Amino acid sequence: MTQGIKLSGGYLTQAFGHDDLDAALLLIPLMGIPIDKAVLELTAAAVEEHLCHGDVVHRYLASDGLSGSEDAFLICSFWLVDILLMLGRAEEARALFERLLANANANANDAGLYAEESDPTTGLFLGNFPQAFTHLALINRALHIQLYE
């Protein structure tokens, strides 16, 4: 795993030999793969600094060879909630979770349904709608917060 750590930042990268960041890296400890706490802290900090736009998280910003760009993936925002819990930042995790739920105009429609992506500037829903994975992430994070407390 050391090949996937950016030397100057100490955080995990999208691929070996590259410096690009990817919020999917937050899944590593959620899948039970051991990760050094310092590397996880630096990866979470890098995601917060570079991929967060308000409360929503972009999956990645690097070019993927496809036309157009991706917007914020709501599932990534819920992954970040779990990582904050794992790092003992429970108050921040709960606050982020509550903001993701409360900000229904930007994150869900009037029926509480979430899309796959959201334009963080306009709040426009993008991608699959409704998105089951986003809803499952929301439910799992609610359970994890309750278990943590």
C-alpha atoms as a PDB file:
ATOM      1  CA  MET A   1       0.000   0.000   0.000  1.00  0.00           C
ATOM      2  CA  THR A   2       2.971   2.337   0.482  1.00  0.00           C
ATOM      3  CA  GLN A   3       3.224   2.755  -3.314  1.00  0.00           C
ATOM      4  CA  GLY A   4      -0.185   4.415  -3.207  1.00  0.00           C
ATOM      5  CA  ILE A   5       0.774   7.104  -0.699  1.00  0.00           C
ATOM      6  CA  LYS A   6       1.678  10.594  -1.910  1.00  0.00           C
ATOM      7  CA  LEU A   7       5.072  11.262  -0.388  1.00  0.00           C
ATOM      8  CA  SER A   8       4.631  15.013   0.025  1.00  0.00           C
ATOM      9  CA  GLY A   9       1.154  14.708   1.557  1.00  0.00           C
ATOM     10  CA  GLY A  10       1.154  11.313   3.221  1.00  0.00           C
ATOM     11  CA  TYR A  11      -2.322  10.463   1.902  1.00  0.00           C
ATOM     12  CA  LEU A  12      -3.536   7.633  -0.308  1.00  0.00           C
ATOM     13  CA  THR A  13      -3.673   8.277  -4.040  1.00  0.00           C
ATOM     14  CA  GLN A  14      -6.052   7.105  -6.740  1.00  0.00           C
ATOM     15  CA  ALA A  15      -3.413   4.877  -8.352  1.00  0.00           C
ATOM     16  CA  PHE A  16       0.197   3.848  -7.816  1.00  0.00           C
ATOM     17  CA  GLY A  17       2.575   6.432  -9.219  1.00  0.00           C
ATOM     18  CA  HIS A  18      -0.035   9.196  -9.383  1.00  0.00           C
ATOM     19  CA  ASP A  19      -0.846  12.074  -7.052  1.00  0.00           C
ATOM     20  CA  ASP A  20      -4.579  12.220  -7.779  1.00  0.00           C
ATOM     21  CA  LEU A  21      -7.029  11.923  -4.906  1.00  0.00           C
ATOM     22  CA  ASP A  22     -10.195   9.805  -4.987  1.00  0.00           C
ATOM     23  CA  ALA A  23     -12.932   9.756  -2.338  1.00  0.00           C
ATOM     24  CA  ALA A  24     -13.355   6.015  -2.984  1.00  0.00           C
ATOM     25  CA  LEU A  25     -10.190   5.639  -0.901  1.00  0.00           C
ATOM     26  CA  LEU A  26     -12.427   6.309   2.107  1.00  0.00           C
ATOM     27  CA  LEU A  27     -13.858   2.828   1.523  1.00  0.00           C
ATOM     28  CA  ILE A  28     -10.582   1.091   2.382  1.00  0.00           C
ATOM     29  CA  PRO A  29     -11.131   0.956   6.160  1.00  0.00           C
ATOM     30  CA  LEU A  30     -14.892   0.559   5.678  1.00  0.00           C
ATOM     31  CA  MET A  31     -14.159  -2.693   3.830  1.00  0.00           C
ATOM     32  CA  GLY A  32     -12.037  -3.957   6.716  1.00  0.00           C
ATOM     33  CA  ILE A  33      -8.699  -3.408   5.018  1.00  0.00           C
ATOM     34  CA  PRO A  34      -6.125  -2.362   7.628  1.00  0.00           C
ATOM     35  CA  ILE A  35      -4.793   1.160   7.225  1.00  0.00           C
ATOM     36  CA  ASP A  36      -2.417   3.153   9.379  1.00  0.00           C
ATOM     37  CA  LYS A  37      -4.376   5.745  11.373  1.00  0.00           C
ATOM     38  CA  ALA A  38      -1.993   8.549  10.372  1.00  0.00           C
ATOM     39  CA  VAL A  39      -2.482   7.726   6.676  1.00  0.00           C
ATOM     40  CA  LEU A  40      -6.264   7.643   7.171  1.00  0.00           C
ATOM     41  CA  GLU A  41      -6.169  11.004   8.960  1.00  0.00           C
ATOM     42  CA  LEU A  42      -4.108  12.550   6.153  1.00  0.00           C
ATOM     43  CA  THR A  43      -6.341  10.999   3.485  1.00  0.00           C
ATOM     44  CA  ALA A  44      -9.475  12.325   5.193  1.00  0.00           C
ATOM     45  CA  ALA A  45      -7.884  15.769   5.523  1.00  0.00           C
ATOM     46  CA  ALA A  46      -6.931  15.739   1.833  1.00  0.00           C
ATOM     47  CA  VAL A  47     -10.477  14.743   0.845  1.00  0.00           C
ATOM     48  CA  GLU A  48     -11.900  17.513   3.037  1.00  0.00           C
ATOM     49  CA  GLU A  49      -9.488  20.078   1.602  1.00  0.00           C
ATOM     50  CA  HIS A  50      -9.546  19.135  -2.075  1.00  0.00           C
ATOM     51  CA  LEU A  51     -12.749  17.204  -2.822  1.00  0.00           C
ATOM     52  CA  CYS A  52     -15.340  18.793  -0.529  1.00  0.00           C
ATOM     53  CA  HIS A  53     -17.557  21.532  -1.852  1.00  0.00           C
ATOM     54  CA  GLY A  54     -19.496  22.610   1.190  1.00  0.00           C
ATOM     55  CA  ASP A  55     -20.947  19.433   2.670  1.00  0.00           C
ATOM     56  CA  VAL A  56     -20.834  17.345  -0.492  1.00  0.00           C
ATOM     57  CA  VAL A  57     -17.829  15.420  -1.749  1.00  0.00           C
ATOM     58  CA  HIS A  58     -16.606  15.015  -5.307  1.00  0.00           C
ATOM     59  CA  ARG A  59     -15.464  11.487  -6.084  1.00  0.00           C
ATOM     60  CA  TYR A  60     -12.330  12.835  -7.818  1.00  0.00           C
ATOM     61  CA  LEU A  61     -11.239  15.877  -9.804  1.00  0.00           C
ATOM     62  CA  ALA A  62      -8.647  14.235 -12.072  1.00  0.00           C
ATOM     63  CA  SER A  63      -9.410  13.700 -15.738  1.00  0.00           C
ATOM     64  CA  ASP A  64     -10.832  10.250 -16.390  1.00  0.00           C
ATOM     65  CA  GLY A  65     -10.793  10.405 -20.179  1.00  0.00           C
ATOM     66  CA  LEU A  66     -14.563  10.830 -20.420  1.00  0.00           C
ATOM     67  CA  SER A  67     -16.181  13.963 -21.797  1.00  0.00           C
ATOM     68  CA  GLY A  68     -17.692  16.322 -19.266  1.00  0.00           C
ATOM     69  CA  SER A  69     -17.071  16.425 -15.565  1.00  0.00           C
ATOM     70  CA  GLU A  70     -18.519  14.719 -12.537  1.00  0.00           C
ATOM     71  CA  ASP A  71     -20.298  16.591  -9.803  1.00  0.00           C
ATOM     72  CA  ALA A  72     -20.469  15.725  -6.124  1.00  0.00           C
ATOM     73  CA  PHE A  73     -21.369  12.111  -5.368  1.00  0.00           C
ATOM     74  CA  LEU A  74     -23.665  12.043  -2.374  1.00  0.00           C
ATOM     75  CA  ILE A  75     -22.541   8.550  -1.364  1.00  0.00           C
ATOM     76  CA  CYS A  76     -19.016   9.949  -0.886  1.00  0.00           C
ATOM     77  CA  SER A  77     -20.376  12.502   1.571  1.00  0.00           C
ATOM     78  CA  PHE A  78     -21.837   9.688   3.662  1.00  0.00           C
ATOM     79  CA  TRP A  79     -18.552   7.735   3.479  1.00  0.00           C
ATOM     80  CA  LEU A  80     -16.832  10.779   4.962  1.00  0.00           C
ATOM     81  CA  VAL A  81     -19.262  10.666   7.900  1.00  0.00           C
ATOM     82  CA  ASP A  82     -18.052   7.142   8.714  1.00  0.00           C
ATOM     83  CA  ILE A  83     -14.389   8.079   8.412  1.00  0.00           C
ATOM     84  CA  LEU A  84     -14.888  10.990  10.803  1.00  0.00           C
ATOM     85  CA  LEU A  85     -16.432   8.522  13.268  1.00  0.00           C
ATOM     86  CA  MET A  86     -13.501   6.126  12.848  1.00  0.00           C
ATOM     87  CA  LEU A  87     -11.114   8.971  13.591  1.00  0.00           C
ATOM     88  CA  GLY A  88     -12.960   9.869  16.800  1.00  0.00           C
ATOM     89  CA  ARG A  89     -14.413  13.049  15.310  1.00  0.00           C
ATOM     90  CA  ALA A  90     -17.956  12.082  16.286  1.00  0.00           C
ATOM     91  CA  GLU A  91     -19.312  15.608  16.736  1.00  0.00           C
ATOM     92  CA  GLU A  92     -18.126  16.571  13.249  1.00  0.00           C
ATOM     93  CA  ALA A  93     -19.533  13.330  11.821  1.00  0.00           C
ATOM     94  CA  ARG A  94     -22.940  13.896  13.385  1.00  0.00           C
ATOM     95  CA  ALA A  95     -22.988  17.550  12.315  1.00  0.00           C
ATOM     96  CA  LEU A  96     -22.129  16.647   8.710  1.00  0.00           C
ATOM     97  CA  PHE A  97     -24.735  13.870   8.691  1.00  0.00           C
ATOM     98  CA  GLU A  98     -27.411  16.198  10.054  1.00  0.00           C
ATOM     99  CA  ARG A  99     -26.542  18.893   7.504  1.00  0.00           C
ATOM    100  CA  LEU A 100     -26.777  16.344   4.682  1.00  0.00           C
ATOM    101  CA  LEU A 101     -30.254  15.416   5.926  1.00  0.00           C
ATOM    102  CA  ALA A 102     -31.420  18.942   6.728  1.00  0.00           C
ATOM    103  CA  ASN A 103     -30.286  20.494   3.473  1.00  0.00           C
ATOM    104  CA  ALA A 104     -33.032  18.767   1.517  1.00  0.00           C
ATOM    105  CA  ASN A 105     -33.182  21.481  -1.137  1.00  0.00           C
ATOM    106  CA  ALA A 106     -29.637  20.686  -2.213  1.00  0.00           C
ATOM    107  CA  ASN A 107     -29.399  16.970  -1.473  1.00  0.00           C
ATOM    108  CA  ALA A 108     -32.862  15.387  -1.737  1.00  0.00           C
ATOM    109  CA  ASN A 109     -36.239  16.191  -3.199  1.00  0.00           C
ATOM    110  CA  ASP A 110     -39.430  16.925  -1.263  1.00  0.00           C
ATOM    111  CA  ALA A 111     -40.076  13.177  -0.873  1.00  0.00           C
ATOM    112  CA  GLY A 112     -36.623  12.654   0.659  1.00  0.00           C
ATOM    113  CA  LEU A 113     -35.225  10.878  -2.383  1.00  0.00           C
ATOM    114  CA  TYR A 114     -31.545  11.295  -3.164  1.00  0.00           C
ATOM    115  CA  ALA A 115     -29.862  11.314  -6.552  1.00  0.00           C
ATOM    116  CA  GLU A 116     -26.497   9.819  -7.400  1.00  0.00           C
ATOM    117  CA  GLU A 117     -24.894  13.220  -7.873  1.00  0.00           C
ATOM    118  CA  SER A 118     -25.634  16.813  -7.053  1.00  0.00           C
ATOM    119  CA  ASP A 119     -24.282  19.997  -8.563  1.00  0.00           C
ATOM    120  CA  PRO A 120     -22.935  21.703  -5.426  1.00  0.00           C
ATOM    121  CA  THR A 121     -23.457  25.157  -6.921  1.00  0.00           C
ATOM    122  CA  THR A 122     -27.004  24.842  -8.274  1.00  0.00           C
ATOM    123  CA  GLY A 123     -28.316  21.865  -6.280  1.00  0.00           C
ATOM    124  CA  LEU A 124     -29.404  20.213  -9.542  1.00  0.00           C
ATOM    125  CA  PHE A 125     -29.788  16.447  -9.202  1.00  0.00           C
ATOM    126  CA  LEU A 126     -27.654  14.504 -11.648  1.00  0.00           C
ATOM    127  CA  GLY A 127     -27.047  10.871 -12.486  1.00  0.00           C
ATOM    128  CA  ASN A 128     -29.367   8.088 -11.422  1.00  0.00           C
ATOM    129  CA  PHE A 129     -32.479   9.182  -9.560  1.00  0.00           C
ATOM    130  CA  PRO A 130     -33.409   7.911  -7.111  1.00  0.00           C
ATOM    131  CA  GLN A 131     -30.090   6.266  -6.299  1.00  0.00           C
ATOM    132  CA  ALA A 132     -30.347   3.224  -4.035  1.00  0.00           C
ATOM    133  CA  PHE A 133     -26.644   3.280  -3.105  1.00  0.00           C
ATOM    134  CA  THR A 134     -26.982   6.807  -1.734  1.00  0.00           C
ATOM    135  CA  HIS A 135     -29.971   5.754   0.358  1.00  0.00           C
ATOM    136  CA  LEU A 136     -28.141   2.690   1.675  1.00  0.00           C
ATOM    137  CA  ALA A 137     -25.173   4.869   2.626  1.00  0.00           C
ATOM    138  CA  LEU A 138     -27.501   7.233   4.494  1.00  0.00           C
ATOM    139  CA  ILE A 139     -29.109   4.343   6.405  1.00  0.00           C
ATOM    140  CA  ASN A 140     -25.748   2.758   7.248  1.00  0.00           C
ATOM    141  CA  ARG A 141     -24.325   6.038   8.538  1.00  0.00           C
ATOM    142  CA  ALA A 142     -27.404   6.627  10.703  1.00  0.00           C
ATOM    143  CA  LEU A 143     -26.869   3.176  12.225  1.00  0.00           C
ATOM    144  CA  HIS A 144     -23.144   3.746  12.674  1.00  0.00           C
ATOM    145  CA  ILE A 145     -23.699   7.072  14.434  1.00  0.00           C
ATOM    146  CA  GLN A 146     -26.241   5.437  16.743  1.00  0.00           C
ATOM    147  CA  LEU A 147     -23.880   2.541  17.493  1.00  0.00           C
ATOM    148  CA  TYR A 148     -20.974   4.921  18.082  1.00  0.00           C
ATOM    149  CA  GLU A 149     -22.960   6.905  20.619  1.00  0.00           C
END
